[in-house]
Amino acid sequence: MTPYKYTVDRTVLQIFATATKAQRQKLLQVFDGLAAHPFQVGDSIQLDHTGRPCQVKRFDDWMITYWPEHLACQIHILAAENLRR
């Protein structure tokens, strides 16, 4: 299988930039895990503004919204919400 890469939305990048070191490490672990296992199904599905189904999955204290683009071998990470805040 071709290795997947991930992209992050600007809002996710802003959250990452203001996160603590431990939170950044956890987010990187989650992002790498999604790229390593791109076919995992989320806990729920949410449609984006174009009607595309996006996966929503909880990873410990984080709720991550993403969609896999299998043709391009990419995971697009659209949102990250810290559930502890």
Protein backbone atom coordinates (compact mmCIF):
# COMPACT_ATOMS: atom_id res chain seq x y z
CA MET A 1 0.00 0.00 0.00
CA THR A 2 1.25 3.47 -0.87
CA PRO A 3 1.95 5.51 2.27
CA TYR A 4 -0.66 8.17 2.92
CA LYS A 5 0.16 11.74 3.83
CA TYR A 6 -2.07 14.16 5.67
CA THR A 7 -3.06 17.76 5.23
CA VAL A 8 -4.45 20.01 7.95
CA ASP A 9 -6.90 22.87 7.59
CA ARG A 10 -5.80 26.34 8.67
CA THR A 11 -8.07 26.17 11.75
CA VAL A 12 -6.39 22.94 12.83
CA LEU A 13 -3.01 24.58 12.37
CA GLN A 14 -4.10 27.46 14.61
CA ILE A 15 -5.22 25.02 17.31
CA PHE A 16 -1.92 23.17 16.98
CA ALA A 17 0.08 26.39 17.30
CA THR A 18 -1.60 27.33 20.59
CA ALA A 19 -1.60 23.82 22.09
CA THR A 20 0.73 22.67 24.83
CA LYS A 21 3.69 20.46 23.95
CA ALA A 22 1.84 17.36 25.22
CA GLN A 23 -1.25 18.27 23.18
CA ARG A 24 0.86 18.81 20.05
CA GLN A 25 2.50 15.42 20.54
CA LYS A 26 -0.91 13.76 20.90
CA LEU A 27 -2.24 15.49 17.78
CA LEU A 28 0.80 14.42 15.75
CA GLN A 29 0.29 10.87 17.01
CA VAL A 30 -3.37 10.99 15.92
CA PHE A 31 -2.53 12.48 12.51
CA ASP A 32 0.21 9.89 11.91
CA GLY A 33 -2.19 7.13 12.98
CA LEU A 34 -4.83 8.30 10.51
CA ALA A 35 -2.25 8.31 7.72
CA ALA A 36 -1.04 4.83 8.74
CA HIS A 37 -4.61 3.45 8.83
CA PRO A 38 -6.56 5.49 6.25
CA PHE A 39 -9.49 3.07 6.00
CA GLN A 40 -10.58 3.33 9.64
CA VAL A 41 -14.15 4.44 10.07
CA GLY A 42 -15.11 7.35 12.30
CA ASP A 43 -17.60 7.28 15.16
CA SER A 44 -19.99 9.34 13.05
CA ILE A 45 -20.24 11.04 9.67
CA GLN A 46 -20.73 14.75 9.08
CA LEU A 47 -21.26 16.34 5.69
CA ASP A 48 -19.00 19.25 4.76
CA HIS A 49 -20.10 22.36 2.84
CA THR A 50 -19.86 20.47 -0.47
CA GLY A 51 -21.90 17.51 0.76
CA ARG A 52 -18.84 15.27 1.12
CA PRO A 53 -19.11 12.74 3.97
CA CYS A 54 -16.40 13.36 6.55
CA GLN A 55 -15.42 11.01 9.34
CA VAL A 56 -15.66 12.28 12.92
CA LYS A 57 -13.70 10.23 15.43
CA ARG A 58 -12.75 10.65 19.07
CA PHE A 59 -9.14 10.09 20.09
CA ASP A 60 -8.93 10.41 23.88
CA ASP A 61 -9.46 14.16 24.55
CA TRP A 62 -9.69 15.12 20.87
CA MET A 63 -12.52 14.98 18.35
CA ILE A 64 -11.05 14.94 14.84
CA THR A 65 -12.96 15.51 11.59
CA TYR A 66 -11.29 14.21 8.45
CA TRP A 67 -11.89 12.71 5.04
CA PRO A 68 -9.69 10.25 3.21
CA GLU A 69 -8.88 10.93 -0.43
CA HIS A 70 -7.80 7.44 -1.45
CA LEU A 71 -6.98 8.29 -5.07
CA ALA A 72 -4.38 10.85 -3.90
CA CYS A 73 -3.36 8.78 -0.83
CA GLN A 74 -4.11 11.69 1.51
CA ILE A 75 -6.06 12.25 4.70
CA HIS A 76 -7.52 15.75 4.93
CA ILE A 77 -7.89 16.84 8.55
CA LEU A 78 -10.56 19.51 8.72
CA ALA A 79 -11.18 20.07 12.42
CA ALA A 80 -9.73 19.23 15.83
CA GLU A 81 -11.65 19.94 19.01
CA ASN A 82 -10.16 19.55 22.47
CA LEU A 83 -12.93 17.99 24.58
CA ARG A 84 -11.25 18.95 27.86
CA ARG A 85 -11.66 22.70 27.36
